[in-house]
Amino acid sequence: MLARRITTYAIKRSFLKRSQQWHIRQRQMSTTTPVANPPSSTHAAVLGGISTELDRIAPRVDLRADQIEILEGPSNFYDTLKNKIKRAKKRIYLSTLYIGKSEHELVSCIRQALQQNKDLKVSILTDALRGTRETPEPSCASLLSPLAVDFPDQVEIRMYHTPNLTGLRKRLIPKRINEGWGLQHMKLYGIDDEVILSGANLSSDYFTNRQDRYHMFSSKRVADYFARIHYTMCRVSFLLEPSLPSGTYDLVWPRDNAAPSPLEDPKSYVTAITELFKPLIAASTSFEGPRSSQNTAFNTTIYPLLTLPRSINNELPALQSLLSTPLPNGSSYFFTAGYFNPDPAITTSLLAASSNLQAASDDHSLISTTVLTASPWANGFYGSKGVSGMLPPAYTLLSRRFLHAATQTAPGAVTLREWRRGTVGLMDGWTYHAKGLWLTIPSSASSRTEKIGESAMATPPLSPGPSVTIIGSSNYTVRSYSLDVEVGAIVVTTNSGLQERLRKEEENLLRYSTVVTEEDLKGGERRVGWRVRVAMWIVRMVGGSL
């Protein structure tokens, strides 16, 4: 093969985000302006308005609610993934940050499927920095290399390299923290005509004691769409080429790749991938034929979301659109992120949405905005040595700043909760990695009246659960939108069964959470020292992000 060869490299998760003051401001990507909630709005009208806005931002795929399965926990996710792989007939495509270097059981499942079916094609995409970080010790790359040796006509391993880490910066940034300059962060697990969207990587903690989210779409149209995203990214990534002895490898840039190497010409690389992905993410594009309005069997729509560094980002405007939608009394937002450092635009929109809901409601008890994040004892970096050990207190500082901003702009409208299930590193300790947004709208905006003694109380009609959710790999941070490759989807449904399942998903995440206040985060063991503040500033100054 004609190819340029590069040497292998390594990494470690990086940190420390910039902190900014958040102020209420209008979004600029739409002509729709937040207004007082119209009393005559109906559930259908609100969803119709949401869909109209999203049609301007993202493509769409219509399907039935029963084609979506919400997996509850890590073991269910892992068992489902293995069972689907073992029965694969045509294709397996896996986009992930990395596959754990000791995941021999998962690789064995792939090997078994390949042996049983000579027509099966397997494509695996990981991040180049994270996938080779332990080299020359065992790594994700060395784990996967034998598959490419034993099944050369069936298996292809690709590794994406960020265009943000090149030249002198690549040589000077320590391998332990160079992950902070950009990653392939998509999580797409496609088998035949099904695909799982998740925030989970493929390693033992994500299969046992790391809480995330997992939505499985049993739809050829959905699986085909995300397969196009996966294979297009493979065309602009390095190829893992096995060498001898077994388990060793080179990363090469094939001559027929669809862009120049990001290490040699990062600017042209960004231009090329932007043009490649534009048609796939074009708004108002339907990838399945008839629209739901023309086919009553369809009661659910997904809007694919994609973020490419310095290039494409339709997730942020879509999120801002959802958060600026006028909503009736009884509506609620539920937002979660394991690493709490939302992009300032998201924080601004979330606080504005809470303030607008509160201002438009006659009874603040009918308004609910809940934010859930990991407690320090459920953060994957808890107890880490060196700079990474500063991450949990850094997130505490950011949470405190968020609560302070919420108190100033929407007092009483926002509740912050922290998730904890045991303590990281101890027996039965879990970490928290879930992220997403849920929007619940009452079944009708017109209130019902209940007789309580001699008085009448107006309460919103009951709703089975959220009508809108976002699922995917993004952590909604500055780095997610400026450095990493992310993929996800907004799910919009009128189906009460799926709404109920989304409600149960919310409840499952909230089960191990408690409310925290600004005062809780100020003193004692939650006090944040000056070293953490300085480290956050330094990382921001050298162009990194968390």
Protein backbone atom coordinates (compact mmCIF):
# COMPACT_ATOMS: atom_id res chain seq x y z
CA MET A 1 0.00 0.00 0.00
CA LEU A 2 1.22 3.49 -0.81
CA ALA A 3 1.09 5.35 2.46
CA ARG A 4 2.82 7.83 4.70
CA ARG A 5 3.93 6.30 7.98
CA ILE A 6 3.96 8.00 11.33
CA THR A 7 5.26 6.95 14.69
CA THR A 8 2.90 6.07 17.50
CA TYR A 9 2.14 8.22 20.51
CA ALA A 10 0.23 8.31 23.76
CA ILE A 11 -2.02 10.28 26.20
CA LYS A 12 -4.09 10.92 29.27
CA ARG A 13 -7.36 12.74 29.93
CA SER A 14 -6.91 16.45 30.31
CA PHE A 15 -8.50 19.13 32.16
CA LEU A 16 -9.27 22.33 33.52
CA LYS A 17 -11.62 24.41 31.76
CA ARG A 18 -12.05 28.02 31.47
CA SER A 19 -14.59 29.51 33.78
CA GLN A 20 -16.73 32.38 32.65
CA GLN A 21 -19.46 34.51 34.12
CA TRP A 22 -22.80 33.67 32.64
CA HIS A 23 -25.33 36.29 31.63
CA ILE A 24 -28.76 36.02 30.07
CA ARG A 25 -28.73 36.80 26.37
CA GLN A 26 -30.89 35.95 23.38
CA ARG A 27 -29.82 33.19 21.01
CA GLN A 28 -28.98 34.37 17.51
CA MET A 29 -29.58 31.30 15.39
CA SER A 30 -33.34 31.65 15.11
CA THR A 31 -35.96 34.30 14.65
CA THR A 32 -38.00 32.75 17.47
CA THR A 33 -37.73 34.82 20.66
CA PRO A 34 -38.56 33.55 24.16
CA VAL A 35 -41.92 34.98 25.16
CA ALA A 36 -44.48 34.45 27.87
CA ASN A 37 -46.05 31.03 27.71
CA PRO A 38 -49.24 31.13 25.62
CA PRO A 39 -52.12 29.83 27.76
CA SER A 40 -53.78 28.17 24.78
CA SER A 41 -50.75 26.10 23.82
CA THR A 42 -51.22 22.36 23.54
CA HIS A 43 -48.70 19.56 23.85
CA ALA A 44 -48.97 18.93 20.11
CA ALA A 45 -48.51 22.61 19.28
CA VAL A 46 -45.39 22.88 21.42
CA LEU A 47 -43.86 19.75 19.85
CA GLY A 48 -44.81 21.05 16.43
CA GLY A 49 -42.93 24.27 17.12
CA ILE A 50 -39.91 22.33 18.35
CA SER A 51 -39.88 20.15 15.22
CA THR A 52 -40.18 23.19 12.96
CA GLU A 53 -37.14 24.77 14.59
CA LEU A 54 -35.12 21.54 14.50
CA ASP A 55 -35.94 21.04 10.83
CA ARG A 56 -33.95 24.23 10.23
CA ILE A 57 -30.94 22.93 12.11
CA ALA A 58 -30.54 19.19 11.49
CA PRO A 59 -31.56 16.34 9.19
CA ARG A 60 -34.28 13.98 10.38
CA VAL A 61 -35.20 10.32 10.39
CA ASP A 62 -38.77 9.28 11.25
CA LEU A 63 -39.52 5.96 12.94
CA ARG A 64 -41.80 4.23 15.42
CA ALA A 65 -41.34 4.53 19.17
CA ASP A 66 -41.18 0.75 19.54
CA GLN A 67 -37.97 0.82 17.47
CA ILE A 68 -36.15 2.49 20.38
CA GLU A 69 -35.01 0.51 23.41
CA ILE A 70 -33.53 2.24 26.45
CA LEU A 71 -30.94 0.06 28.16
CA GLU A 72 -30.77 0.61 31.90
CA GLY A 73 -27.22 0.02 33.08
CA PRO A 74 -23.64 -1.02 32.23
CA SER A 75 -24.19 -4.79 32.41
CA ASN A 76 -27.31 -4.60 30.25
CA PHE A 77 -25.37 -2.52 27.72
CA TYR A 78 -22.47 -4.98 27.64
CA ASP A 79 -24.63 -8.10 27.40
CA THR A 80 -26.70 -6.56 24.61
CA LEU A 81 -23.58 -5.51 22.70
CA LYS A 82 -22.00 -8.96 22.94
CA ASN A 83 -25.18 -10.77 21.92
CA LYS A 84 -25.72 -8.51 18.93
CA ILE A 85 -22.10 -8.91 17.80
CA LYS A 86 -22.23 -12.70 18.02
CA ARG A 87 -25.29 -12.76 15.74
CA ALA A 88 -24.04 -10.16 13.24
CA LYS A 89 -24.60 -11.09 9.59
CA LYS A 90 -23.48 -8.16 7.44
CA ARG A 91 -21.64 -5.45 9.28
CA ILE A 92 -20.27 -4.27 12.59
CA TYR A 93 -19.16 -0.67 12.93
CA LEU A 94 -17.86 0.64 16.24
CA SER A 95 -16.90 4.28 16.83
CA THR A 96 -15.46 4.85 20.29
CA LEU A 97 -12.78 6.81 22.09
CA TYR A 98 -10.98 3.57 22.91
CA ILE A 99 -11.43 -0.13 23.61
CA GLY A 100 -9.89 -1.15 26.91
CA LYS A 101 -6.57 -2.92 26.45
CA SER A 102 -7.81 -5.91 28.48
CA GLU A 103 -11.18 -6.35 26.73
CA HIS A 104 -10.30 -9.79 25.37
CA GLU A 105 -13.85 -11.08 25.83
CA LEU A 106 -15.28 -8.37 23.57
CA VAL A 107 -12.60 -8.98 20.94
CA SER A 108 -13.31 -12.72 21.20
CA CYS A 109 -16.97 -12.05 20.39
CA ILE A 110 -15.94 -10.13 17.28
CA ARG A 111 -13.54 -12.89 16.30
CA GLN A 112 -16.25 -15.53 16.75
CA ALA A 113 -18.65 -13.58 14.54
CA LEU A 114 -15.99 -13.23 11.83
CA GLN A 115 -15.20 -16.95 11.90
CA GLN A 116 -18.86 -17.88 11.58
CA ASN A 117 -19.58 -15.53 8.69
CA LYS A 118 -17.02 -14.87 5.96
CA ASP A 119 -19.24 -12.12 4.51
CA LEU A 120 -19.20 -10.09 7.73
CA LYS A 121 -17.32 -6.77 7.58
CA VAL A 122 -15.98 -5.12 10.75
CA SER A 123 -14.91 -1.48 10.95
CA ILE A 124 -13.54 -0.03 14.20
CA LEU A 125 -12.75 3.66 14.72
CA THR A 126 -10.95 4.92 17.83
CA ASP A 127 -8.89 7.94 18.76
CA ALA A 128 -5.22 7.77 17.77
CA LEU A 129 -3.84 9.44 20.87
CA ARG A 130 -5.98 7.51 23.36
CA GLY A 131 -5.75 4.27 21.40
CA THR A 132 -1.93 4.22 21.50
CA ARG A 133 -1.25 5.96 24.80
CA GLU A 134 0.35 2.93 26.52
CA THR A 135 2.64 2.02 23.61
CA PRO A 136 4.95 0.09 23.69
CA GLU A 137 3.04 -1.60 26.52
CA PRO A 138 -0.32 -3.29 25.71
CA SER A 139 -2.84 -0.80 24.34
CA CYS A 140 -6.09 -0.56 22.45
CA ALA A 141 -4.10 -0.64 19.21
CA SER A 142 -2.13 -3.77 20.13
CA LEU A 143 -5.35 -5.48 21.27
CA LEU A 144 -7.04 -4.90 17.91
CA SER A 145 -4.04 -5.48 15.65
CA PRO A 146 -4.37 -9.33 15.59
CA LEU A 147 -7.92 -9.01 14.20
CA ALA A 148 -6.53 -7.15 11.19
CA VAL A 149 -3.84 -9.83 10.80
CA ASP A 150 -6.19 -12.80 10.99
CA PHE A 151 -9.04 -11.27 8.95
CA PRO A 152 -7.35 -8.92 6.47
CA ASP A 153 -10.30 -8.92 4.07
CA GLN A 154 -12.94 -8.44 6.74
CA VAL A 155 -11.49 -6.07 9.35
CA GLU A 156 -10.34 -2.47 9.16
CA ILE A 157 -9.06 -0.49 12.16
CA ARG A 158 -8.95 3.30 11.85
CA MET A 159 -7.68 5.92 14.28
CA TYR A 160 -8.60 9.60 14.14
CA HIS A 161 -5.96 12.21 14.97
CA THR A 162 -6.94 15.74 15.94
CA PRO A 163 -5.71 18.56 13.68
CA ASN A 164 -5.23 20.70 16.81
CA LEU A 165 -2.08 18.95 18.04
CA THR A 166 0.73 19.21 15.50
CA GLY A 167 4.27 20.43 15.11
CA LEU A 168 6.01 22.00 18.09
CA ARG A 169 2.92 21.78 20.30
CA LYS A 170 2.67 18.01 19.70
CA ARG A 171 6.34 17.59 20.62
CA LEU A 172 6.15 19.71 23.77
CA ILE A 173 2.79 18.80 25.33
CA PRO A 174 3.30 15.87 27.75
CA LYS A 175 1.65 12.66 26.64
CA ARG A 176 -0.16 12.46 29.95
CA ILE A 177 -2.28 15.52 29.10
CA ASN A 178 -2.21 15.85 25.29
CA GLU A 179 -5.73 14.42 25.11
CA GLY A 180 -6.86 17.90 26.12
CA TRP A 181 -6.25 19.17 22.59
CA GLY A 182 -8.86 17.07 20.86
CA LEU A 183 -10.26 13.54 20.44
CA GLN A 184 -12.45 11.23 18.42
CA HIS A 185 -15.20 11.09 21.03
CA MET A 186 -18.13 9.56 19.06
CA LYS A 187 -19.84 6.49 20.50
CA LEU A 188 -21.66 4.56 17.75
CA TYR A 189 -22.15 0.82 18.08
CA GLY A 190 -23.76 -0.48 14.90
CA ILE A 191 -24.56 -4.13 14.19
CA ASP A 192 -26.45 -4.92 10.98
CA ASP A 193 -29.62 -2.79 11.02
CA GLU A 194 -29.37 -1.66 14.64
CA VAL A 195 -27.25 0.98 16.33
CA ILE A 196 -26.65 1.96 19.95
CA LEU A 197 -26.03 5.64 20.70
CA SER A 198 -24.30 6.19 24.01
CA GLY A 199 -21.75 8.15 25.97
CA ALA A 200 -20.00 4.95 27.07
CA ASN A 201 -16.65 3.73 25.83
CA LEU A 202 -15.78 0.05 25.51
CA SER A 203 -13.88 -0.90 28.66
CA SER A 204 -14.54 -2.82 31.86
CA ASP A 205 -15.72 0.09 34.00
CA TYR A 206 -18.30 1.07 31.37
CA PHE A 207 -19.51 -2.55 31.47
CA THR A 208 -19.72 -2.84 35.27
CA ASN A 209 -19.80 0.23 37.52
CA ARG A 210 -19.82 3.41 35.42
CA GLN A 211 -23.31 4.84 34.91
CA ASP A 212 -24.06 6.14 31.42
CA ARG A 213 -26.97 6.15 28.94
CA TYR A 214 -27.66 3.73 26.07
CA HIS A 215 -30.38 3.99 23.42
CA MET A 216 -30.68 1.20 20.85
CA PHE A 217 -32.38 2.03 17.56
CA SER A 218 -33.70 -1.00 15.64
CA SER A 219 -34.12 0.84 12.37
CA LYS A 220 -32.23 0.27 9.14
CA ARG A 221 -32.65 3.92 8.24
CA VAL A 222 -31.11 5.08 11.50
CA ALA A 223 -28.33 2.46 11.38
CA ASP A 224 -27.53 3.37 7.77
CA TYR A 225 -27.38 7.07 8.57
CA PHE A 226 -24.91 6.69 11.42
CA ALA A 227 -22.93 4.16 9.38
CA ARG A 228 -22.37 6.94 6.84
CA ILE A 229 -21.05 9.17 9.62
CA HIS A 230 -18.76 6.37 10.83
CA TYR A 231 -17.35 5.37 7.44
CA THR A 232 -16.85 8.97 6.34
CA MET A 233 -14.77 9.62 9.45
CA CYS A 234 -12.79 6.47 8.72
CA ARG A 235 -11.87 7.94 5.32
CA VAL A 236 -10.12 10.84 7.07
CA SER A 237 -8.37 8.80 9.78
CA PHE A 238 -5.15 6.84 10.05
CA LEU A 239 -5.18 3.14 9.17
CA LEU A 240 -3.76 0.68 11.69
CA GLU A 241 -1.41 -1.58 9.75
CA PRO A 242 -0.23 -4.67 11.68
CA SER A 243 3.42 -5.60 11.69
CA LEU A 244 5.61 -8.28 13.23
CA PRO A 245 5.83 -9.45 15.94
CA SER A 246 2.12 -9.94 16.55
CA GLY A 247 0.46 -7.04 18.36
CA THR A 248 2.76 -4.40 16.93
CA TYR A 249 1.59 -1.96 14.31
CA ASP A 250 2.12 1.23 12.34
CA LEU A 251 -0.35 4.01 11.75
CA VAL A 252 -0.36 5.00 8.10
CA TRP A 253 -2.14 7.63 6.04
CA PRO A 254 -3.47 5.89 2.90
CA ARG A 255 -3.02 7.78 -0.36
CA ASP A 256 -6.69 7.31 -1.17
CA ASN A 257 -7.90 8.99 2.02
CA ALA A 258 -10.36 11.80 1.41
CA ALA A 259 -8.20 14.51 3.02
CA PRO A 260 -4.53 15.35 3.60
CA SER A 261 -2.98 14.21 6.86
CA PRO A 262 -3.95 16.41 9.83
CA LEU A 263 -0.32 16.26 10.95
CA GLU A 264 1.01 17.62 7.67
CA ASP A 265 -1.66 20.11 6.63
CA PRO A 266 -4.20 20.65 9.42
CA LYS A 267 -5.89 23.63 7.75
CA SER A 268 -6.57 21.75 4.50
CA TYR A 269 -7.65 18.73 6.53
CA VAL A 270 -10.35 20.76 8.31
CA THR A 271 -11.53 22.22 5.00
CA ALA A 272 -11.76 18.77 3.41
CA ILE A 273 -13.69 17.08 6.21
CA THR A 274 -16.08 20.02 6.41
CA GLU A 275 -17.03 19.51 2.77
CA LEU A 276 -17.34 15.76 3.27
CA PHE A 277 -19.75 16.01 6.19
CA LYS A 278 -21.85 18.97 5.07
CA PRO A 279 -24.27 16.86 2.97
CA LEU A 280 -24.73 14.39 5.84
CA ILE A 281 -25.74 17.03 8.34
CA ALA A 282 -27.71 19.36 6.08
CA ALA A 283 -30.91 20.67 7.69
CA SER A 284 -34.33 19.66 6.32
CA THR A 285 -32.87 16.50 4.82
CA SER A 286 -34.97 13.38 5.29
CA PHE A 287 -33.08 10.08 5.17
CA GLU A 288 -36.10 7.81 5.08
CA GLY A 289 -38.63 8.89 2.51
CA PRO A 290 -42.12 9.71 3.79
CA ARG A 291 -42.45 12.23 6.58
CA SER A 292 -44.25 11.36 9.79
CA SER A 293 -47.08 13.69 8.87
CA GLN A 294 -47.68 11.50 5.82
CA ASN A 295 -47.31 8.17 7.58
CA THR A 296 -49.24 7.69 10.81
CA ALA A 297 -47.09 4.66 11.71
CA PHE A 298 -44.28 7.11 12.51
CA ASN A 299 -44.71 8.79 15.89
CA THR A 300 -41.10 9.60 16.68
CA THR A 301 -38.37 11.61 14.95
CA ILE A 302 -34.65 11.71 15.55
CA TYR A 303 -32.49 14.67 14.57
CA PRO A 304 -28.83 13.65 14.19
CA LEU A 305 -26.24 15.93 15.77
CA LEU A 306 -22.57 16.25 14.80
CA THR A 307 -19.64 18.30 16.04
CA LEU A 308 -16.32 18.54 14.19
CA PRO A 309 -13.52 20.72 15.60
CA ARG A 310 -13.20 24.13 13.92
CA SER A 311 -15.83 23.03 11.42
CA ILE A 312 -19.39 21.74 11.98
CA ASN A 313 -21.56 22.04 15.07
CA ASN A 314 -25.34 21.69 14.90
CA GLU A 315 -25.70 20.40 18.48
CA LEU A 316 -25.20 23.74 20.21
CA PRO A 317 -27.83 25.65 18.15
CA ALA A 318 -30.23 22.71 18.54
CA LEU A 319 -29.80 22.78 22.33
CA GLN A 320 -30.30 26.54 22.38
CA SER A 321 -33.43 26.11 20.28
CA LEU A 322 -34.91 23.63 22.77
CA LEU A 323 -34.07 25.86 25.71
CA SER A 324 -35.69 28.92 24.11
CA THR A 325 -39.00 27.21 23.29
CA PRO A 326 -41.99 28.86 25.02
CA LEU A 327 -43.43 26.24 27.37
CA PRO A 328 -46.65 25.92 29.38
CA ASN A 329 -46.95 25.57 33.16
CA GLY A 330 -45.91 22.17 34.45
CA SER A 331 -43.08 21.80 31.93
CA SER A 332 -39.66 20.74 33.14
CA TYR A 333 -36.06 20.55 32.01
CA PHE A 334 -33.67 17.89 33.25
CA PHE A 335 -30.02 18.36 32.28
CA THR A 336 -27.11 16.13 33.23
CA ALA A 337 -23.39 15.98 32.56
CA GLY A 338 -20.84 13.85 34.36
CA TYR A 339 -18.16 16.52 33.94
CA PHE A 340 -19.88 19.75 34.92
CA ASN A 341 -18.40 22.46 32.74
CA PRO A 342 -21.16 23.35 30.25
CA ASP A 343 -20.28 25.66 27.40
CA PRO A 344 -21.20 29.19 28.57
CA ALA A 345 -23.79 29.43 25.79
CA ILE A 346 -25.59 26.38 27.23
CA THR A 347 -25.45 27.69 30.78
CA THR A 348 -26.78 31.03 29.59
CA SER A 349 -29.63 29.34 27.71
CA LEU A 350 -30.45 27.02 30.62
CA LEU A 351 -30.63 29.90 33.08
CA ALA A 352 -32.64 31.99 30.62
CA ALA A 353 -35.08 29.10 30.10
CA SER A 354 -35.52 28.70 33.86
CA SER A 355 -36.05 32.41 34.28
CA ASN A 356 -38.57 32.56 31.43
CA LEU A 357 -40.53 29.60 32.82
CA GLN A 358 -40.58 31.17 36.25
CA ALA A 359 -41.66 34.60 34.97
CA ALA A 360 -44.48 33.09 32.91
CA SER A 361 -45.87 30.94 35.72
CA ASP A 362 -48.38 32.03 38.31
CA ASP A 363 -47.21 29.23 40.59
CA HIS A 364 -43.47 28.63 40.78
CA SER A 365 -44.11 25.16 42.20
CA LEU A 366 -45.24 24.17 38.71
CA ILE A 367 -41.77 24.90 37.32
CA SER A 368 -38.93 22.40 37.45
CA THR A 369 -35.37 22.76 36.19
CA THR A 370 -33.08 20.05 37.52
CA VAL A 371 -29.36 19.76 36.86
CA LEU A 372 -27.56 16.54 37.79
CA THR A 373 -23.81 16.02 37.88
CA ALA A 374 -21.28 13.68 39.48
CA SER A 375 -20.23 14.27 43.06
CA PRO A 376 -16.44 14.31 43.58
CA TRP A 377 -16.72 10.76 44.97
CA ALA A 378 -18.33 9.60 41.70
CA ASN A 379 -15.85 11.38 39.44
CA GLY A 380 -13.50 9.08 37.56
CA PHE A 381 -10.53 11.27 38.54
CA TYR A 382 -11.23 11.12 42.28
CA GLY A 383 -8.08 10.13 44.12
CA SER A 384 -5.88 10.44 41.02
CA LYS A 385 -2.28 11.50 41.44
CA GLY A 386 -0.87 14.67 39.98
CA VAL A 387 -2.77 17.27 38.02
CA SER A 388 -5.71 14.96 37.20
CA GLY A 389 -6.46 14.75 40.92
CA MET A 390 -7.41 18.43 40.77
CA LEU A 391 -10.33 17.74 38.46
CA PRO A 392 -13.02 16.88 41.06
CA PRO A 393 -12.46 20.11 43.02
CA ALA A 394 -12.35 22.04 39.73
CA TYR A 395 -15.83 20.74 38.92
CA THR A 396 -16.96 21.67 42.44
CA LEU A 397 -15.85 25.25 41.80
CA LEU A 398 -17.70 25.35 38.49
CA SER A 399 -20.86 23.92 40.09
CA ARG A 400 -20.72 26.59 42.77
CA ARG A 401 -20.37 29.34 40.18
CA PHE A 402 -23.34 27.93 38.29
CA LEU A 403 -25.51 27.91 41.42
CA HIS A 404 -24.50 31.47 42.18
CA ALA A 405 -25.49 32.55 38.65
CA ALA A 406 -28.79 30.68 39.00
CA THR A 407 -29.52 32.48 42.27
CA GLN A 408 -28.94 35.82 40.58
CA THR A 409 -30.96 35.19 37.40
CA ALA A 410 -33.65 32.67 38.37
CA PRO A 411 -33.85 32.39 42.17
CA GLY A 412 -35.60 29.20 43.25
CA ALA A 413 -36.07 27.93 39.69
CA VAL A 414 -33.02 25.64 39.44
CA THR A 415 -32.11 22.60 41.57
CA LEU A 416 -28.61 21.14 41.46
CA ARG A 417 -28.20 17.50 42.43
CA GLU A 418 -25.07 15.37 42.76
CA TRP A 419 -24.92 11.67 41.93
CA ARG A 420 -23.08 9.31 44.24
CA ARG A 421 -23.14 5.54 44.53
CA GLY A 422 -20.41 4.56 46.95
CA THR A 423 -16.92 5.98 46.51
CA VAL A 424 -14.62 5.61 43.53
CA GLY A 425 -11.85 3.12 44.23
CA LEU A 426 -13.65 1.39 47.08
CA MET A 427 -15.72 -1.78 46.95
CA ASP A 428 -19.06 -1.22 45.20
CA GLY A 429 -18.06 2.32 44.25
CA TRP A 430 -19.44 3.66 40.95
CA THR A 431 -18.57 6.57 38.68
CA TYR A 432 -21.04 8.78 36.82
CA HIS A 433 -20.69 9.51 33.10
CA ALA A 434 -24.25 10.16 31.87
CA LYS A 435 -25.17 13.25 29.87
CA GLY A 436 -28.29 14.52 28.22
CA LEU A 437 -31.31 16.79 28.27
CA TRP A 438 -34.95 15.81 28.80
CA LEU A 439 -37.92 18.09 28.19
CA THR A 440 -41.29 17.21 29.71
CA ILE A 441 -44.42 19.03 28.53
CA PRO A 442 -47.89 18.56 30.08
CA SER A 443 -50.36 16.76 27.85
CA SER A 444 -52.21 20.07 27.52
CA ALA A 445 -51.33 23.58 28.58
CA SER A 446 -54.85 24.24 29.83
CA SER A 447 -54.88 23.38 33.52
CA ARG A 448 -57.31 21.11 35.29
CA THR A 449 -58.95 22.15 38.56
CA GLU A 450 -58.94 19.99 41.66
CA LYS A 451 -61.18 20.67 44.66
CA ILE A 452 -59.19 20.80 47.86
CA GLY A 453 -61.46 21.64 50.82
CA GLU A 454 -63.24 24.90 50.04
CA SER A 455 -60.60 26.09 47.56
CA ALA A 456 -59.76 25.10 44.04
CA MET A 457 -56.17 24.50 42.95
CA ALA A 458 -55.11 24.58 39.32
CA THR A 459 -52.58 21.88 38.45
CA PRO A 460 -51.09 20.88 35.11
CA PRO A 461 -52.43 17.73 33.51
CA LEU A 462 -50.34 14.65 34.02
CA SER A 463 -47.70 13.73 31.43
CA PRO A 464 -46.36 10.20 30.96
CA GLY A 465 -42.84 11.59 30.72
CA PRO A 466 -40.43 13.55 28.54
CA SER A 467 -41.37 14.18 24.91
CA VAL A 468 -37.85 15.27 23.95
CA THR A 469 -34.39 14.01 24.88
CA ILE A 470 -30.82 14.33 23.64
CA ILE A 471 -28.61 11.24 23.61
CA GLY A 472 -24.99 11.02 22.51
CA SER A 473 -21.31 11.40 23.26
CA SER A 474 -21.07 15.13 23.96
CA ASN A 475 -20.33 16.47 27.43
CA TYR A 476 -21.66 19.89 26.30
CA THR A 477 -18.40 21.61 27.21
CA VAL A 478 -16.22 24.16 25.45
CA ARG A 479 -13.87 21.35 24.44
CA SER A 480 -16.77 19.27 23.09
CA TYR A 481 -17.59 22.10 20.68
CA SER A 482 -14.09 23.27 19.82
CA LEU A 483 -11.76 20.26 20.07
CA ASP A 484 -13.59 16.91 19.91
CA VAL A 485 -15.55 14.91 17.36
CA GLU A 486 -19.02 14.25 18.81
CA VAL A 487 -22.20 12.59 17.61
CA GLY A 488 -25.70 12.30 19.02
CA ALA A 489 -29.39 12.74 18.33
CA ILE A 490 -32.44 14.58 19.55
CA VAL A 491 -35.43 12.28 19.97
CA VAL A 492 -38.88 13.87 19.68
CA THR A 493 -41.90 11.65 20.34
CA THR A 494 -45.66 11.84 20.78
CA ASN A 495 -45.82 8.22 21.93
CA SER A 496 -46.85 7.82 25.57
CA GLY A 497 -45.04 4.48 25.88
CA LEU A 498 -41.68 5.98 24.92
CA GLN A 499 -42.38 9.01 27.11
CA GLU A 500 -42.92 6.65 30.04
CA ARG A 501 -39.63 4.86 29.31
CA LEU A 502 -37.83 8.20 29.20
CA ARG A 503 -39.36 9.09 32.57
CA LYS A 504 -38.06 5.83 34.03
CA GLU A 505 -34.62 6.64 32.61
CA GLU A 506 -34.72 9.97 34.47
CA GLU A 507 -35.78 8.27 37.69
CA ASN A 508 -33.01 5.70 37.36
CA LEU A 509 -30.40 8.45 37.15
CA LEU A 510 -31.90 10.46 40.00
CA ARG A 511 -32.10 7.43 42.30
CA TYR A 512 -28.61 7.95 43.70
CA SER A 513 -28.64 11.75 43.83
CA THR A 514 -29.04 14.41 46.52
CA VAL A 515 -29.69 18.14 46.39
CA VAL A 516 -26.71 20.45 46.99
CA THR A 517 -26.69 24.18 47.65
CA GLU A 518 -24.14 26.92 47.12
CA GLU A 519 -23.32 26.80 50.82
CA ASP A 520 -22.70 23.04 50.65
CA LEU A 521 -19.95 23.65 48.09
CA LYS A 522 -18.10 26.39 49.94
CA GLY A 523 -16.56 24.88 53.04
CA GLY A 524 -15.04 21.81 54.63
CA GLU A 525 -13.80 19.14 52.27
CA ARG A 526 -15.53 20.89 49.35
CA ARG A 527 -13.38 24.00 49.68
CA VAL A 528 -11.36 24.61 46.51
CA GLY A 529 -7.74 25.69 47.01
CA TRP A 530 -5.66 28.17 45.04
CA ARG A 531 -3.64 25.44 43.28
CA VAL A 532 -6.78 24.21 41.51
CA ARG A 533 -7.70 27.73 40.42
CA VAL A 534 -4.20 28.37 39.07
CA ALA A 535 -4.14 25.04 37.23
CA MET A 536 -7.47 25.85 35.57
CA TRP A 537 -6.09 29.18 34.42
CA ILE A 538 -2.85 27.69 33.06
CA VAL A 539 -4.59 25.02 30.98
CA ARG A 540 -6.88 27.66 29.50
CA MET A 541 -3.93 29.92 28.65
CA VAL A 542 -2.07 27.19 26.72
CA GLY A 543 -5.10 26.34 24.61
CA GLY A 544 -6.31 23.20 26.35
CA SER A 545 -9.74 22.44 27.72
CA LEU A 546 -11.56 19.92 29.88
